[in-house]
C-alpha atoms as a PDB file:
ATOM      1  CA  UNK A   1     -87.105 179.068   4.108  1.00  0.00           C
ATOM      2  CA  UNK A   2     -86.197 174.509   4.442  1.00  0.00           C
ATOM      3  CA  UNK A   3     -88.614 173.994   6.572  1.00  0.00           C
ATOM      4  CA  UNK A   4     -91.239 174.406   4.033  1.00  0.00           C
ATOM      5  CA  UNK A   5     -90.451 172.975   1.124  1.00  0.00           C
ATOM      6  CA  UNK A   6     -92.064 169.810   0.051  1.00  0.00           C
ATOM      7  CA  UNK A   7     -91.657 166.421   2.365  1.00  0.00           C
ATOM      8  CA  UNK A   8     -90.382 165.001  -0.579  1.00  0.00           C
ATOM      9  CA  UNK A   9     -87.625 166.368  -0.711  1.00  0.00           C
ATOM     10  CA  UNK A  10     -84.138 165.578   0.754  1.00  0.00           C
ATOM     11  CA  UNK A  11     -82.226 168.380   1.784  1.00  0.00           C
ATOM     12  CA  UNK A  12     -78.803 167.928   2.944  1.00  0.00           C
ATOM     13  CA  UNK A  13     -75.666 170.166   3.574  1.00  0.00           C
ATOM     14  CA  UNK A  14     -71.979 168.661   3.102  1.00  0.00           C
ATOM     15  CA  UNK A  15     -69.088 170.643   5.099  1.00  0.00           C
ATOM     16  CA  UNK A  16     -65.290 169.680   3.349  1.00  0.00           C
ATOM     17  CA  UNK A  17     -62.329 169.847   5.601  1.00  0.00           C
ATOM     18  CA  UNK A  18     -62.130 172.185   8.518  1.00  0.00           C
ATOM     19  CA  UNK A  19     -59.377 171.251  10.619  1.00  0.00           C
ATOM     20  CA  UNK A  20     -60.371 172.190  13.252  1.00  0.00           C
ATOM     21  CA  UNK A  21     -59.176 174.856  14.902  1.00  0.00           C
ATOM     22  CA  UNK A  22     -57.169 175.899  11.853  1.00  0.00           C
ATOM     23  CA  UNK A  23     -60.537 176.481  10.288  1.00  0.00           C
ATOM     24  CA  UNK A  24     -62.567 179.592   8.494  1.00  0.00           C
ATOM     25  CA  UNK A  25     -65.313 182.112  10.511  1.00  0.00           C
ATOM     26  CA  UNK A  26     -68.334 179.917  10.140  1.00  0.00           C
ATOM     27  CA  UNK A  27     -71.317 182.444  11.331  1.00  0.00           C
ATOM     28  CA  UNK A  28     -72.226 182.348   7.603  1.00  0.00           C
ATOM     29  CA  UNK A  29     -72.349 178.408   7.247  1.00  0.00           C
ATOM     30  CA  UNK A  30     -74.364 178.568  10.766  1.00  0.00           C
ATOM     31  CA  UNK A  31     -76.561 180.988   9.815  1.00  0.00           C
ATOM     32  CA  UNK A  32     -77.157 179.509   5.747  1.00  0.00           C
ATOM     33  CA  UNK A  33     -77.858 175.249   8.008  1.00  0.00           C
ATOM     34  CA  UNK A  34     -80.336 177.811  10.178  1.00  0.00           C
ATOM     35  CA  UNK A  35     -81.727 179.364   7.465  1.00  0.00           C
ATOM     36  CA  UNK A  36     -81.582 176.027   5.671  1.00  0.00           C
ATOM     37  CA  UNK A  37     -83.321 173.699   7.716  1.00  0.00           C
ATOM     38  CA  UNK A  38     -80.938 170.194   6.416  1.00  0.00           C
ATOM     39  CA  UNK A  39     -81.959 167.271   6.773  1.00  0.00           C
ATOM     40  CA  UNK A  40     -78.309 165.321   7.014  1.00  0.00           C
ATOM     41  CA  UNK A  41     -75.848 167.146   7.137  1.00  0.00           C
ATOM     42  CA  UNK A  42     -72.416 165.655   6.756  1.00  0.00           C
ATOM     43  CA  UNK A  43     -69.280 165.682   8.692  1.00  0.00           C
ATOM     44  CA  UNK A  44     -66.746 165.151   5.553  1.00  0.00           C
ATOM     45  CA  UNK A  45     -63.488 163.975   6.904  1.00  0.00           C
ATOM     46  CA  UNK A  46     -60.925 165.987   8.714  1.00  0.00           C
ATOM     47  CA  UNK A  47     -63.047 168.066  10.732  1.00  0.00           C
ATOM     48  CA  UNK A  48     -60.470 167.948  13.658  1.00  0.00           C
ATOM     49  CA  UNK A  49     -56.278 168.782  12.937  1.00  0.00           C
ATOM     50  CA  UNK A  50     -55.514 166.447  15.992  1.00  0.00           C
ATOM     51  CA  UNK A  51     -52.758 168.549  15.667  1.00  0.00           C
ATOM     52  CA  UNK A  52     -51.040 166.487  18.979  1.00  0.00           C
ATOM     53  CA  UNK A  53     -50.781 163.254  16.845  1.00  0.00           C
ATOM     54  CA  UNK A  54     -50.502 163.950  13.458  1.00  0.00           C
ATOM     55  CA  UNK A  55     -47.576 161.879  12.096  1.00  0.00           C
ATOM     56  CA  UNK A  56     -45.827 165.625  10.605  1.00  0.00           C
ATOM     57  CA  UNK A  57     -45.004 166.317  13.997  1.00  0.00           C
ATOM     58  CA  UNK A  58     -44.143 163.677  15.828  1.00  0.00           C
ATOM     59  CA  UNK A  59     -40.679 164.348  15.663  1.00  0.00           C
ATOM     60  CA  UNK A  60     -40.878 167.636  16.056  1.00  0.00           C
ATOM     61  CA  UNK A  61     -40.855 169.641  19.534  1.00  0.00           C
ATOM     62  CA  UNK A  62     -42.228 172.662  19.362  1.00  0.00           C
ATOM     63  CA  UNK A  63     -44.439 172.081  17.275  1.00  0.00           C
ATOM     64  CA  UNK A  64     -46.253 169.234  19.414  1.00  0.00           C
ATOM     65  CA  UNK A  65     -45.514 171.216  22.633  1.00  0.00           C
ATOM     66  CA  UNK A  66     -49.265 172.831  23.876  1.00  0.00           C
ATOM     67  CA  UNK A  67     -51.413 170.188  21.659  1.00  0.00           C
ATOM     68  CA  UNK A  68     -53.915 167.823  23.960  1.00  0.00           C
ATOM     69  CA  UNK A  69     -55.899 165.770  22.302  1.00  0.00           C
ATOM     70  CA  UNK A  70     -58.625 166.710  25.465  1.00  0.00           C
ATOM     71  CA  UNK A  71     -58.248 170.355  23.744  1.00  0.00           C
ATOM     72  CA  UNK A  72     -59.585 169.110  20.560  1.00  0.00           C
ATOM     73  CA  UNK A  73     -61.990 166.859  21.709  1.00  0.00           C
ATOM     74  CA  UNK A  74     -63.697 169.548  24.071  1.00  0.00           C
ATOM     75  CA  UNK A  75     -63.744 172.287  19.970  1.00  0.00           C
ATOM     76  CA  UNK A  76     -65.089 169.676  18.227  1.00  0.00           C
ATOM     77  CA  UNK A  77     -67.824 169.619  20.975  1.00  0.00           C
ATOM     78  CA  UNK A  78     -68.327 172.430  20.585  1.00  0.00           C
ATOM     79  CA  UNK A  79     -68.610 173.007  17.785  1.00  0.00           C
ATOM     80  CA  UNK A  80     -70.799 170.638  16.569  1.00  0.00           C
ATOM     81  CA  UNK A  81     -73.129 171.976  18.573  1.00  0.00           C
ATOM     82  CA  UNK A  82     -73.315 175.420  17.383  1.00  0.00           C
ATOM     83  CA  UNK A  83     -74.087 173.761  13.771  1.00  0.00           C
ATOM     84  CA  UNK A  84     -76.800 170.826  15.802  1.00  0.00           C
ATOM     85  CA  UNK A  85     -78.674 173.558  17.693  1.00  0.00           C
ATOM     86  CA  UNK A  86     -79.130 175.944  14.253  1.00  0.00           C
ATOM     87  CA  UNK A  87     -81.054 172.693  12.906  1.00  0.00           C
ATOM     88  CA  UNK A  88     -81.998 169.788  15.943  1.00  0.00           C
ATOM     89  CA  UNK A  89     -84.171 167.648  13.411  1.00  0.00           C
ATOM     90  CA  UNK A  90     -80.855 167.006  11.722  1.00  0.00           C
ATOM     91  CA  UNK A  91     -79.616 163.386  11.118  1.00  0.00           C
ATOM     92  CA  UNK A  92     -75.034 164.376  11.726  1.00  0.00           C
ATOM     93  CA  UNK A  93     -72.920 161.852   9.914  1.00  0.00           C
ATOM     94  CA  UNK A  94     -69.091 161.931  10.229  1.00  0.00           C
ATOM     95  CA  UNK A  95     -67.013 160.313   7.232  1.00  0.00           C
ATOM     96  CA  UNK A  96     -63.651 159.961   9.186  1.00  0.00           C
ATOM     97  CA  UNK A  97     -60.707 161.873   7.257  1.00  0.00           C
ATOM     98  CA  UNK A  98     -57.142 160.922   6.781  1.00  0.00           C
ATOM     99  CA  UNK A  99     -56.469 163.422  10.184  1.00  0.00           C
ATOM    100  CA  UNK A 100     -58.801 161.255  12.226  1.00  0.00           C
ATOM    101  CA  UNK A 101     -57.427 157.693  10.899  1.00  0.00           C
ATOM    102  CA  UNK A 102     -54.578 159.232  13.028  1.00  0.00           C
ATOM    103  CA  UNK A 103     -55.992 158.041  16.088  1.00  0.00           C
ATOM    104  CA  UNK A 104     -56.461 155.184  14.715  1.00  0.00           C
ATOM    105  CA  UNK A 105     -52.560 155.383  13.754  1.00  0.00           C
ATOM    106  CA  UNK A 106     -51.696 156.374  16.779  1.00  0.00           C
ATOM    107  CA  UNK A 107     -53.236 152.907  18.456  1.00  0.00           C
ATOM    108  CA  UNK A 108     -50.905 151.050  16.277  1.00  0.00           C
ATOM    109  CA  UNK A 109     -47.325 152.183  18.208  1.00  0.00           C
ATOM    110  CA  UNK A 110     -49.368 152.846  21.804  1.00  0.00           C
ATOM    111  CA  UNK A 111     -51.856 149.367  21.415  1.00  0.00           C
ATOM    112  CA  UNK A 112     -51.864 150.170  25.900  1.00  0.00           C
ATOM    113  CA  UNK A 113     -54.027 153.381  24.673  1.00  0.00           C
ATOM    114  CA  UNK A 114     -56.174 151.270  23.198  1.00  0.00           C
ATOM    115  CA  UNK A 115     -60.693 152.243  24.457  1.00  0.00           C
ATOM    116  CA  UNK A 116     -59.651 155.166  26.119  1.00  0.00           C
ATOM    117  CA  UNK A 117     -58.676 157.605  23.048  1.00  0.00           C
ATOM    118  CA  UNK A 118     -60.955 156.673  20.353  1.00  0.00           C
ATOM    119  CA  UNK A 119     -63.071 159.454  18.044  1.00  0.00           C
ATOM    120  CA  UNK A 120     -66.893 158.196  18.017  1.00  0.00           C
ATOM    121  CA  UNK A 121     -66.177 157.749  22.054  1.00  0.00           C
ATOM    122  CA  UNK A 122     -65.246 161.239  22.941  1.00  0.00           C
ATOM    123  CA  UNK A 123     -67.601 162.670  20.586  1.00  0.00           C
ATOM    124  CA  UNK A 124     -71.212 162.879  21.265  1.00  0.00           C
ATOM    125  CA  UNK A 125     -74.611 164.167  19.016  1.00  0.00           C
ATOM    126  CA  UNK A 126     -73.057 161.618  15.758  1.00  0.00           C
ATOM    127  CA  UNK A 127     -75.594 159.712  14.109  1.00  0.00           C
ATOM    128  CA  UNK A 128     -73.620 157.621  12.632  1.00  0.00           C
ATOM    129  CA  UNK A 129     -69.830 157.429  11.498  1.00  0.00           C
ATOM    130  CA  UNK A 130     -68.861 156.191   8.413  1.00  0.00           C
ATOM    131  CA  UNK A 131     -65.323 154.974   7.525  1.00  0.00           C
ATOM    132  CA  UNK A 132     -62.368 156.068   6.205  1.00  0.00           C
ATOM    133  CA  UNK A 133     -62.600 155.877   2.320  1.00  0.00           C
ATOM    134  CA  UNK A 134     -66.404 154.435   2.952  1.00  0.00           C
ATOM    135  CA  UNK A 135     -68.915 156.276   0.992  1.00  0.00           C
ATOM    136  CA  UNK A 136     -72.841 157.716   2.532  1.00  0.00           C
ATOM    137  CA  UNK A 137     -75.307 157.255  -0.143  1.00  0.00           C
ATOM    138  CA  UNK A 138     -78.689 159.270   0.164  1.00  0.00           C
ATOM    139  CA  UNK A 139     -80.545 158.781  -3.350  1.00  0.00           C
ATOM    140  CA  UNK A 140     -78.276 158.835  -5.720  1.00  0.00           C
ATOM    141  CA  UNK A 141     -75.953 160.640  -4.790  1.00  0.00           C
ATOM    142  CA  UNK A 142     -72.811 160.179  -2.826  1.00  0.00           C
ATOM    143  CA  UNK A 143     -70.295 161.220  -0.281  1.00  0.00           C
ATOM    144  CA  UNK A 144     -66.951 160.748   0.913  1.00  0.00           C
ATOM    145  CA  UNK A 145     -63.695 162.226   2.880  1.00  0.00           C
ATOM    146  CA  UNK A 146     -61.979 161.596  -1.324  1.00  0.00           C
ATOM    147  CA  UNK A 147     -59.900 159.061  -2.392  1.00  0.00           C
ATOM    148  CA  UNK A 148     -57.054 160.044  -4.611  1.00  0.00           C
ATOM    149  CA  UNK A 149     -55.187 163.377  -4.390  1.00  0.00           C
ATOM    150  CA  UNK A 150     -53.474 163.452  -8.264  1.00  0.00           C
ATOM    151  CA  UNK A 151     -53.788 166.257 -10.663  1.00  0.00           C
ATOM    152  CA  UNK A 152     -57.016 165.077 -12.608  1.00  0.00           C
ATOM    153  CA  UNK A 153     -58.728 163.187  -9.004  1.00  0.00           C
ATOM    154  CA  UNK A 154     -62.323 164.519 -10.523  1.00  0.00           C
ATOM    155  CA  UNK A 155     -61.476 162.341 -13.097  1.00  0.00           C
ATOM    156  CA  UNK A 156     -59.681 159.388 -10.988  1.00  0.00           C
ATOM    157  CA  UNK A 157     -62.776 159.502  -9.018  1.00  0.00           C
ATOM    158  CA  UNK A 158     -65.510 159.814 -11.422  1.00  0.00           C
ATOM    159  CA  UNK A 159     -64.584 156.845 -13.413  1.00  0.00           C
ATOM    160  CA  UNK A 160     -63.232 155.013 -11.025  1.00  0.00           C
ATOM    161  CA  UNK A 161     -66.782 154.836  -8.473  1.00  0.00           C
ATOM    162  CA  UNK A 162     -69.172 155.347 -12.189  1.00  0.00           C
ATOM    163  CA  UNK A 163     -70.969 157.487  -9.622  1.00  0.00           C
ATOM    164  CA  UNK A 164     -72.554 160.755  -8.559  1.00  0.00           C
ATOM    165  CA  UNK A 165     -69.160 161.781  -6.035  1.00  0.00           C
ATOM    166  CA  UNK A 166     -68.666 164.803  -3.576  1.00  0.00           C
ATOM    167  CA  UNK A 167     -65.887 164.989  -1.613  1.00  0.00           C
ATOM    168  CA  UNK A 168     -63.225 166.656   0.030  1.00  0.00           C
ATOM    169  CA  UNK A 169     -59.957 166.406   1.137  1.00  0.00           C
ATOM    170  CA  UNK A 170     -58.085 167.817  -1.201  1.00  0.00           C
ATOM    171  CA  UNK A 171     -58.854 171.399  -0.781  1.00  0.00           C
ATOM    172  CA  UNK A 172     -59.492 172.154  -4.244  1.00  0.00           C
ATOM    173  CA  UNK A 173     -62.212 171.959  -6.593  1.00  0.00           C
ATOM    174  CA  UNK A 174     -62.821 170.215  -9.661  1.00  0.00           C
ATOM    175  CA  UNK A 175     -65.309 167.927 -11.812  1.00  0.00           C
ATOM    176  CA  UNK A 176     -65.201 165.921 -14.015  1.00  0.00           C
ATOM    177  CA  UNK A 177     -68.246 163.912 -15.743  1.00  0.00           C
ATOM    178  CA  UNK A 178     -68.565 160.966 -17.797  1.00  0.00           C
ATOM    179  CA  UNK A 179     -71.858 160.289 -19.558  1.00  0.00           C
ATOM    180  CA  UNK A 180     -72.899 157.162 -21.293  1.00  0.00           C
ATOM    181  CA  UNK A 181     -74.137 157.585 -24.939  1.00  0.00           C
ATOM    182  CA  UNK A 182     -75.848 154.920 -24.709  1.00  0.00           C
ATOM    183  CA  UNK A 183     -78.568 156.345 -22.497  1.00  0.00           C
ATOM    184  CA  UNK A 184     -77.470 159.429 -21.427  1.00  0.00           C
ATOM    185  CA  UNK A 185     -77.254 159.147 -18.280  1.00  0.00           C
ATOM    186  CA  UNK A 186     -74.289 161.054 -16.310  1.00  0.00           C
ATOM    187  CA  UNK A 187     -72.202 160.929 -12.908  1.00  0.00           C
ATOM    188  CA  UNK A 188     -69.997 163.719 -11.982  1.00  0.00           C
ATOM    189  CA  UNK A 189     -67.153 163.923  -9.570  1.00  0.00           C
ATOM    190  CA  UNK A 190     -66.592 167.119  -8.155  1.00  0.00           C
ATOM    191  CA  UNK A 191     -63.907 167.838  -4.928  1.00  0.00           C
ATOM    192  CA  UNK A 192     -66.243 171.168  -3.179  1.00  0.00           C
ATOM    193  CA  UNK A 193     -62.872 173.003  -1.519  1.00  0.00           C
ATOM    194  CA  UNK A 194     -62.894 173.171   2.533  1.00  0.00           C
ATOM    195  CA  UNK A 195     -63.364 175.257   5.706  1.00  0.00           C
ATOM    196  CA  UNK A 196     -59.849 175.752   6.911  1.00  0.00           C
ATOM    197  CA  UNK A 197     -57.603 178.727   6.857  1.00  0.00           C
ATOM    198  CA  UNK A 198     -54.887 178.737   3.989  1.00  0.00           C
ATOM    199  CA  UNK A 199     -51.863 178.249   5.711  1.00  0.00           C
ATOM    200  CA  UNK A 200     -51.311 175.614   8.008  1.00  0.00           C
ATOM    201  CA  UNK A 201     -48.932 174.793   9.861  1.00  0.00           C
ATOM    202  CA  UNK A 202     -47.763 171.353   7.330  1.00  0.00           C
ATOM    203  CA  UNK A 203     -47.982 174.054   4.091  1.00  0.00           C
ATOM    204  CA  UNK A 204     -44.574 175.391   5.535  1.00  0.00           C
ATOM    205  CA  UNK A 205     -45.916 179.125   3.664  1.00  0.00           C
ATOM    206  CA  UNK A 206     -46.034 177.388  -0.524  1.00  0.00           C
ATOM    207  CA  UNK A 207     -48.176 178.186  -2.162  1.00  0.00           C
ATOM    208  CA  UNK A 208     -51.610 176.277  -3.131  1.00  0.00           C
ATOM    209  CA  UNK A 209     -54.941 176.114  -4.840  1.00  0.00           C
ATOM    210  CA  UNK A 210     -57.116 175.864  -1.720  1.00  0.00           C
ATOM    211  CA  UNK A 211     -60.454 176.823  -2.552  1.00  0.00           C
ATOM    212  CA  UNK A 212     -62.717 177.843   0.388  1.00  0.00           C
ATOM    213  CA  UNK A 213     -66.766 175.864   0.109  1.00  0.00           C
ATOM    214  CA  UNK A 214     -69.628 173.993   1.008  1.00  0.00           C
ATOM    215  CA  UNK A 215     -72.045 172.415  -0.652  1.00  0.00           C
ATOM    216  CA  UNK A 216     -75.182 171.836   0.520  1.00  0.00           C
ATOM    217  CA  UNK A 217     -78.391 169.218  -1.850  1.00  0.00           C
ATOM    218  CA  UNK A 218     -82.069 168.796  -2.992  1.00  0.00           C
ATOM    219  CA  UNK A 219     -82.672 164.911  -3.566  1.00  0.00           C
ATOM    220  CA  UNK A 220     -85.674 164.017  -4.855  1.00  0.00           C
ATOM    221  CA  UNK A 221     -87.288 160.931  -3.851  1.00  0.00           C
ATOM    222  CA  UNK A 222     -86.019 159.338  -7.163  1.00  0.00           C
ATOM    223  CA  UNK A 223     -83.022 159.993  -5.282  1.00  0.00           C
ATOM    224  CA  UNK A 224     -82.507 162.714  -8.418  1.00  0.00           C
ATOM    225  CA  UNK A 225     -80.887 166.064  -6.840  1.00  0.00           C
ATOM    226  CA  UNK A 226     -79.368 168.667  -7.764  1.00  0.00           C
ATOM    227  CA  UNK A 227     -75.954 170.347  -5.818  1.00  0.00           C
ATOM    228  CA  UNK A 228     -74.856 173.792  -5.325  1.00  0.00           C
ATOM    229  CA  UNK A 229     -71.319 174.285  -4.326  1.00  0.00           C
ATOM    230  CA  UNK A 230     -71.038 177.283  -2.908  1.00  0.00           C
ATOM    231  CA  UNK A 231     -67.377 180.086  -2.937  1.00  0.00           C
ATOM    232  CA  UNK A 232     -66.688 181.257   0.223  1.00  0.00           C
ATOM    233  CA  UNK A 233     -64.945 184.735  -0.362  1.00  0.00           C
ATOM    234  CA  UNK A 234     -62.870 186.999   1.883  1.00  0.00           C
ATOM    235  CA  UNK A 235     -65.705 184.625   4.796  1.00  0.00           C
ATOM    236  CA  UNK A 236     -68.086 186.366   2.478  1.00  0.00           C
ATOM    237  CA  UNK A 237     -70.999 184.403   0.330  1.00  0.00           C
ATOM    238  CA  UNK A 238     -74.407 184.566  -2.120  1.00  0.00           C
ATOM    239  CA  UNK A 239     -77.042 181.157  -1.556  1.00  0.00           C
ATOM    240  CA  UNK A 240     -80.209 180.810  -2.147  1.00  0.00           C
ATOM    241  CA  UNK A 241     -80.998 183.977  -3.209  1.00  0.00           C
ATOM    242  CA  UNK A 242     -78.943 185.655   0.226  1.00  0.00           C
ATOM    243  CA  UNK A 243     -75.642 186.954   1.423  1.00  0.00           C
ATOM    244  CA  UNK A 244     -74.138 186.007   4.659  1.00  0.00           C
END
C-alpha cells in the first residue's frame, strides 16, 4: 500500500519502549511496517532494557546473574534486521532513552571500559542517532523519548516545547493540545504508549496504566501532518482498514 502513495507524503512509524527482551509479540507490527512502507522508522528510546547495566539491580546478584551486554546487543541487531527486512528503504532513527543512557552511566563508574561497550559501536543498521532528551523533527512533527514523568506530562511537554511532539517513556497514553487564539494554530504533545509487557521486574507486580501502542504519520510537503496512535489489545490491532 505505502509504496503507491504520492511521493510528497513522508510516512513515519514510531515504535516506543520495546525494552527488549521484555517486548510484546511484534509480528503484527512487522506486518504493518511491510504494508505501510514507511520512509522513516523511529525507535523512540528504551529499545533495549539493558538489564545487565541497570542501576536498579546492580547490587542484586540473583537478578544480574546470567545477564550479558553482548547478548542484549545481539538481540537488538536481530530485531532491527527483522524490521529492516519489512521496509528496506526506510531510514532508521534511534533516539536514546534513559535505559540506553545507563551505558554512559556505567562508563562514568568504569572509564576503563570506554571504547568497548558503547551502543553505537555494537548496534548496526542505524542511520541516525539522537541523544537523550534531544528532538528529531519530520516536517512540523517532533519526536523525543520523553522529558517528564509527572501526572500531567503531556501538558508540561506541550507548554515547555511549544510544538507538536510525540514521545514514549511514560508507557501510557496522554494528549494535551494548546491553541493560540490569535491564529488558531494549535500544537499537541502526546505520549504514545509502549511495546513492552506490563510485568517488568522493577514494577514488582504493582498496578500501572501502561498501554501497548505505536504511532504512524503522514507528513505533507509543507510539513503539516496527520498521525494516528494505534492501541494494541490482546496482541491485535487494526490500522488502515486491516487487522493484524
